[in-house]
Amino acid sequence: MTDTKQYAGLRLVALLELSKGALVLLAGFGLLSLLHKDFVEAAEDLVELFHLNPDSRMPHLFIDAAARLTDAKLWLLAAGAFAYSLVRAIEAWGLWRHRAWAEWFGALTGAVYIPVEIYELAHKPTWLRFFVLAVNLVVVGYLALELWRRKQAKAQASQPAR
C-alpha cells in the first residue's frame, strides 16, 4: 500500500481539523471588524438580517450579550479564535504527517465533546446535531483505530524473528 493510500483517512481528518480552524479564524476576523462600532446595533442588524424576532429568547440573549461587549473583550475573543485556529492547524499538520501525538490529541479532544453532543441531541434532537455527533464519533473511532494499529505494528516489530 502506498503512503498516500495508507494515510488517506488521516489526511481527510487533517483537512477537517484545518477547516474547523479556518472557520473559527474567519469568525475571529469578523469579530475584529466590529472594533469601535456599536455592538448592539450590529447585533440588531444581524437579528433583522435573519428575520428573527428580537423579543424571542435567543435573539434577545444575543442582543444583551452585545450590550456587554467591549473592545477589550472583542480582542480577547479574537485572540481565543486565533489560538484555537493555531492549535487546529498544528493538529492538522501532525495528522497529515502521521504523528502519534496528533492522533492522541485528536482522539482526546474529539472525545471530550461526545457527552455534550449526546446531551444536546437528547434534549433537542435535530439533524444537524445528529450529523455533528456522527462525524465526531467516526473521527474519534478512526483515530483510536489508527492508534491501535500503531501499537500492534510496534509490538510486532519488537518481537524476535523466528
C-alpha atoms as a PDB file:
ATOM      1  CA  MET A   1       0.000   0.000   0.000  1.00  0.00           C
ATOM      2  CA  THR A   2       1.408   3.380  -0.911  1.00  0.00           C
ATOM      3  CA  ASP A   3       1.988   6.030   1.722  1.00  0.00           C
ATOM      4  CA  THR A   4      -0.756   8.249   0.270  1.00  0.00           C
ATOM      5  CA  LYS A   5      -3.398   5.491   0.249  1.00  0.00           C
ATOM      6  CA  GLN A   6      -2.392   4.232   3.680  1.00  0.00           C
ATOM      7  CA  TYR A   7      -2.810   7.640   5.275  1.00  0.00           C
ATOM      8  CA  ALA A   8      -5.753   8.929   3.233  1.00  0.00           C
ATOM      9  CA  GLY A   9      -8.078   8.711   6.245  1.00  0.00           C
ATOM     10  CA  LEU A  10      -5.673  10.659   8.441  1.00  0.00           C
ATOM     11  CA  ARG A  11      -5.316  13.285   5.745  1.00  0.00           C
ATOM     12  CA  LEU A  12      -9.081  13.596   5.477  1.00  0.00           C
ATOM     13  CA  VAL A  13      -9.285  14.143   9.248  1.00  0.00           C
ATOM     14  CA  ALA A  14      -6.418  16.642   8.968  1.00  0.00           C
ATOM     15  CA  LEU A  15      -8.357  18.605   6.337  1.00  0.00           C
ATOM     16  CA  LEU A  16     -11.459  18.550   8.550  1.00  0.00           C
ATOM     17  CA  GLU A  17      -9.486  19.924  11.513  1.00  0.00           C
ATOM     18  CA  LEU A  18      -7.816  22.549   9.331  1.00  0.00           C
ATOM     19  CA  SER A  19     -11.239  23.579   8.009  1.00  0.00           C
ATOM     20  CA  LYS A  20     -12.600  23.945  11.553  1.00  0.00           C
ATOM     21  CA  GLY A  21      -9.649  26.125  12.459  1.00  0.00           C
ATOM     22  CA  ALA A  22     -10.026  28.238   9.326  1.00  0.00           C
ATOM     23  CA  LEU A  23     -13.727  28.769  10.022  1.00  0.00           C
ATOM     24  CA  VAL A  24     -13.012  29.931  13.583  1.00  0.00           C
ATOM     25  CA  LEU A  25     -10.196  32.169  12.304  1.00  0.00           C
ATOM     26  CA  LEU A  26     -12.608  33.811   9.870  1.00  0.00           C
ATOM     27  CA  ALA A  27     -15.059  34.322  12.737  1.00  0.00           C
ATOM     28  CA  GLY A  28     -12.255  35.953  14.732  1.00  0.00           C
ATOM     29  CA  PHE A  29     -11.541  38.363  11.889  1.00  0.00           C
ATOM     30  CA  GLY A  30     -15.267  39.033  11.701  1.00  0.00           C
ATOM     31  CA  LEU A  31     -15.204  39.963  15.381  1.00  0.00           C
ATOM     32  CA  LEU A  32     -12.284  42.312  14.804  1.00  0.00           C
ATOM     33  CA  SER A  33     -14.247  44.040  12.065  1.00  0.00           C
ATOM     34  CA  LEU A  34     -16.646  45.158  14.820  1.00  0.00           C
ATOM     35  CA  LEU A  35     -13.963  47.115  16.699  1.00  0.00           C
ATOM     36  CA  HIS A  36     -15.025  50.655  17.567  1.00  0.00           C
ATOM     37  CA  LYS A  37     -18.577  50.002  16.375  1.00  0.00           C
ATOM     38  CA  ASP A  38     -21.937  49.976  18.121  1.00  0.00           C
ATOM     39  CA  PHE A  39     -22.211  46.295  19.072  1.00  0.00           C
ATOM     40  CA  VAL A  40     -25.893  46.482  19.931  1.00  0.00           C
ATOM     41  CA  GLU A  41     -26.726  47.987  16.542  1.00  0.00           C
ATOM     42  CA  ALA A  42     -24.631  45.319  14.789  1.00  0.00           C
ATOM     43  CA  ALA A  43     -26.411  42.564  16.773  1.00  0.00           C
ATOM     44  CA  GLU A  44     -29.821  44.027  15.974  1.00  0.00           C
ATOM     45  CA  ASP A  45     -28.886  44.237  12.277  1.00  0.00           C
ATOM     46  CA  LEU A  46     -27.833  40.582  12.335  1.00  0.00           C
ATOM     47  CA  VAL A  47     -31.083  39.530  14.028  1.00  0.00           C
ATOM     48  CA  GLU A  48     -33.011  41.502  11.419  1.00  0.00           C
ATOM     49  CA  LEU A  49     -30.957  40.025   8.556  1.00  0.00           C
ATOM     50  CA  PHE A  50     -32.007  36.521   9.631  1.00  0.00           C
ATOM     51  CA  HIS A  51     -35.637  37.628  10.110  1.00  0.00           C
ATOM     52  CA  LEU A  52     -35.624  36.675  13.788  1.00  0.00           C
ATOM     53  CA  ASN A  53     -37.945  38.131  16.392  1.00  0.00           C
ATOM     54  CA  PRO A  54     -35.710  40.332  18.610  1.00  0.00           C
ATOM     55  CA  ASP A  55     -38.083  39.749  21.533  1.00  0.00           C
ATOM     56  CA  SER A  56     -37.766  35.969  21.442  1.00  0.00           C
ATOM     57  CA  ARG A  57     -35.330  34.278  23.841  1.00  0.00           C
ATOM     58  CA  MET A  58     -32.169  33.569  21.804  1.00  0.00           C
ATOM     59  CA  PRO A  59     -32.048  36.795  19.766  1.00  0.00           C
ATOM     60  CA  HIS A  60     -32.756  38.748  22.959  1.00  0.00           C
ATOM     61  CA  LEU A  61     -29.856  36.991  24.737  1.00  0.00           C
ATOM     62  CA  PHE A  62     -27.625  37.717  21.726  1.00  0.00           C
ATOM     63  CA  ILE A  63     -28.501  41.432  21.797  1.00  0.00           C
ATOM     64  CA  ASP A  64     -27.986  41.555  25.592  1.00  0.00           C
ATOM     65  CA  ALA A  65     -24.550  39.944  25.190  1.00  0.00           C
ATOM     66  CA  ALA A  66     -23.684  42.535  22.541  1.00  0.00           C
ATOM     67  CA  ALA A  67     -24.630  45.279  25.000  1.00  0.00           C
ATOM     68  CA  ARG A  68     -21.999  43.957  27.437  1.00  0.00           C
ATOM     69  CA  LEU A  69     -19.294  43.650  24.774  1.00  0.00           C
ATOM     70  CA  THR A  70     -16.306  45.971  24.882  1.00  0.00           C
ATOM     71  CA  ASP A  71     -13.349  46.430  22.536  1.00  0.00           C
ATOM     72  CA  ALA A  72     -11.137  44.656  25.100  1.00  0.00           C
ATOM     73  CA  LYS A  73     -13.477  41.646  25.216  1.00  0.00           C
ATOM     74  CA  LEU A  74     -13.587  41.639  21.426  1.00  0.00           C
ATOM     75  CA  TRP A  75      -9.786  41.471  21.270  1.00  0.00           C
ATOM     76  CA  LEU A  76      -9.860  38.634  23.820  1.00  0.00           C
ATOM     77  CA  LEU A  77     -12.415  36.677  21.773  1.00  0.00           C
ATOM     78  CA  ALA A  78     -10.401  37.241  18.587  1.00  0.00           C
ATOM     79  CA  ALA A  79      -7.214  36.093  20.346  1.00  0.00           C
ATOM     80  CA  GLY A  80      -9.045  32.965  21.507  1.00  0.00           C
ATOM     81  CA  ALA A  81     -10.184  32.311  17.941  1.00  0.00           C
ATOM     82  CA  PHE A  82      -6.597  32.713  16.718  1.00  0.00           C
ATOM     83  CA  ALA A  83      -5.271  30.342  19.419  1.00  0.00           C
ATOM     84  CA  TYR A  84      -7.928  27.726  18.591  1.00  0.00           C
ATOM     85  CA  SER A  85      -7.093  28.023  14.888  1.00  0.00           C
ATOM     86  CA  LEU A  86      -3.386  27.649  15.568  1.00  0.00           C
ATOM     87  CA  VAL A  87      -3.968  24.514  17.665  1.00  0.00           C
ATOM     88  CA  ARG A  88      -6.153  23.005  14.907  1.00  0.00           C
ATOM     89  CA  ALA A  89      -3.515  23.846  12.264  1.00  0.00           C
ATOM     90  CA  ILE A  90      -0.781  22.176  14.330  1.00  0.00           C
ATOM     91  CA  GLU A  91      -3.004  19.136  14.856  1.00  0.00           C
ATOM     92  CA  ALA A  92      -3.763  19.001  11.124  1.00  0.00           C
ATOM     93  CA  TRP A  93      -0.039  19.142  10.311  1.00  0.00           C
ATOM     94  CA  GLY A  94       0.634  16.293  12.751  1.00  0.00           C
ATOM     95  CA  LEU A  95      -2.181  14.165  11.330  1.00  0.00           C
ATOM     96  CA  TRP A  96      -1.031  14.838   7.762  1.00  0.00           C
ATOM     97  CA  ARG A  97       2.467  13.672   8.759  1.00  0.00           C
ATOM     98  CA  HIS A  98       1.047  10.634  10.655  1.00  0.00           C
ATOM     99  CA  ARG A  99       2.335  11.694  14.061  1.00  0.00           C
ATOM    100  CA  ALA A 100       1.159   9.694  17.068  1.00  0.00           C
ATOM    101  CA  TRP A 101       0.837  12.795  19.266  1.00  0.00           C
ATOM    102  CA  ALA A 102      -1.630  14.304  16.778  1.00  0.00           C
ATOM    103  CA  GLU A 103      -3.691  11.109  16.715  1.00  0.00           C
ATOM    104  CA  TRP A 104      -3.827  11.114  20.524  1.00  0.00           C
ATOM    105  CA  PHE A 105      -4.649  14.813  20.634  1.00  0.00           C
ATOM    106  CA  GLY A 106      -7.378  14.496  18.009  1.00  0.00           C
ATOM    107  CA  ALA A 107      -8.947  11.447  19.650  1.00  0.00           C
ATOM    108  CA  LEU A 108      -8.933  13.025  23.120  1.00  0.00           C
ATOM    109  CA  THR A 109     -10.185  16.466  22.091  1.00  0.00           C
ATOM    110  CA  GLY A 110     -12.879  14.916  19.918  1.00  0.00           C
ATOM    111  CA  ALA A 111     -13.967  12.537  22.687  1.00  0.00           C
ATOM    112  CA  VAL A 112     -14.373  15.432  25.130  1.00  0.00           C
ATOM    113  CA  TYR A 113     -17.276  16.781  23.042  1.00  0.00           C
ATOM    114  CA  ILE A 114     -19.171  13.472  22.756  1.00  0.00           C
ATOM    115  CA  PRO A 115     -21.024  13.654  26.120  1.00  0.00           C
ATOM    116  CA  VAL A 116     -22.079  17.245  25.404  1.00  0.00           C
ATOM    117  CA  GLU A 117     -23.220  16.335  21.894  1.00  0.00           C
ATOM    118  CA  ILE A 118     -25.236  13.375  23.241  1.00  0.00           C
ATOM    119  CA  TYR A 119     -26.820  15.601  25.890  1.00  0.00           C
ATOM    120  CA  GLU A 120     -27.723  18.250  23.308  1.00  0.00           C
ATOM    121  CA  LEU A 121     -29.136  15.638  20.937  1.00  0.00           C
ATOM    122  CA  ALA A 122     -31.204  14.032  23.703  1.00  0.00           C
ATOM    123  CA  HIS A 123     -32.685  17.351  24.821  1.00  0.00           C
ATOM    124  CA  LYS A 124     -33.304  18.927  21.435  1.00  0.00           C
ATOM    125  CA  PRO A 125     -32.803  16.477  18.567  1.00  0.00           C
ATOM    126  CA  THR A 126     -32.051  17.987  15.187  1.00  0.00           C
ATOM    127  CA  TRP A 127     -30.480  16.540  12.066  1.00  0.00           C
ATOM    128  CA  LEU A 128     -27.539  18.916  12.432  1.00  0.00           C
ATOM    129  CA  ARG A 129     -26.817  17.746  15.989  1.00  0.00           C
ATOM    130  CA  PHE A 130     -27.115  14.137  14.882  1.00  0.00           C
ATOM    131  CA  PHE A 131     -24.732  14.780  11.966  1.00  0.00           C
ATOM    132  CA  VAL A 132     -22.169  16.554  14.178  1.00  0.00           C
ATOM    133  CA  LEU A 133     -22.247  13.693  16.699  1.00  0.00           C
ATOM    134  CA  ALA A 134     -21.971  11.068  13.948  1.00  0.00           C
ATOM    135  CA  VAL A 135     -18.981  12.785  12.317  1.00  0.00           C
ATOM    136  CA  ASN A 136     -17.280  13.201  15.694  1.00  0.00           C
ATOM    137  CA  LEU A 137     -17.842   9.529  16.562  1.00  0.00           C
ATOM    138  CA  VAL A 138     -16.395   8.455  13.208  1.00  0.00           C
ATOM    139  CA  VAL A 139     -13.335  10.704  13.621  1.00  0.00           C
ATOM    140  CA  VAL A 140     -12.657   9.623  17.219  1.00  0.00           C
ATOM    141  CA  GLY A 141     -13.211   5.961  16.316  1.00  0.00           C
ATOM    142  CA  TYR A 142     -10.918   6.216  13.311  1.00  0.00           C
ATOM    143  CA  LEU A 143      -8.145   7.920  15.292  1.00  0.00           C
ATOM    144  CA  ALA A 144      -8.480   5.298  18.055  1.00  0.00           C
ATOM    145  CA  LEU A 145      -8.209   2.570  15.408  1.00  0.00           C
ATOM    146  CA  GLU A 146      -5.068   4.202  13.986  1.00  0.00           C
ATOM    147  CA  LEU A 147      -3.543   4.331  17.471  1.00  0.00           C
ATOM    148  CA  TRP A 148      -4.378   0.660  18.000  1.00  0.00           C
ATOM    149  CA  ARG A 149      -2.821  -0.223  14.611  1.00  0.00           C
ATOM    150  CA  ARG A 150       0.287   1.744  15.548  1.00  0.00           C
ATOM    151  CA  LYS A 151       0.535  -0.178  18.843  1.00  0.00           C
ATOM    152  CA  GLN A 152       0.087  -3.526  17.047  1.00  0.00           C
ATOM    153  CA  ALA A 153       2.788  -2.668  14.488  1.00  0.00           C
ATOM    154  CA  LYS A 154       5.170  -1.636  17.257  1.00  0.00           C
ATOM    155  CA  ALA A 155       4.503  -4.886  19.158  1.00  0.00           C
ATOM    156  CA  GLN A 156       5.147  -6.981  16.028  1.00  0.00           C
ATOM    157  CA  ALA A 157       8.340  -5.074  15.255  1.00  0.00           C
ATOM    158  CA  SER A 158       9.697  -5.689  18.752  1.00  0.00           C
ATOM    159  CA  GLN A 159       9.129  -9.478  18.624  1.00  0.00           C
ATOM    160  CA  PRO A 160      12.234 -11.527  17.838  1.00  0.00           C
ATOM    161  CA  ALA A 161      12.380 -13.155  14.409  1.00  0.00           C
ATOM    162  CA  ARG A 162      11.767 -16.894  14.360  1.00  0.00           C
END
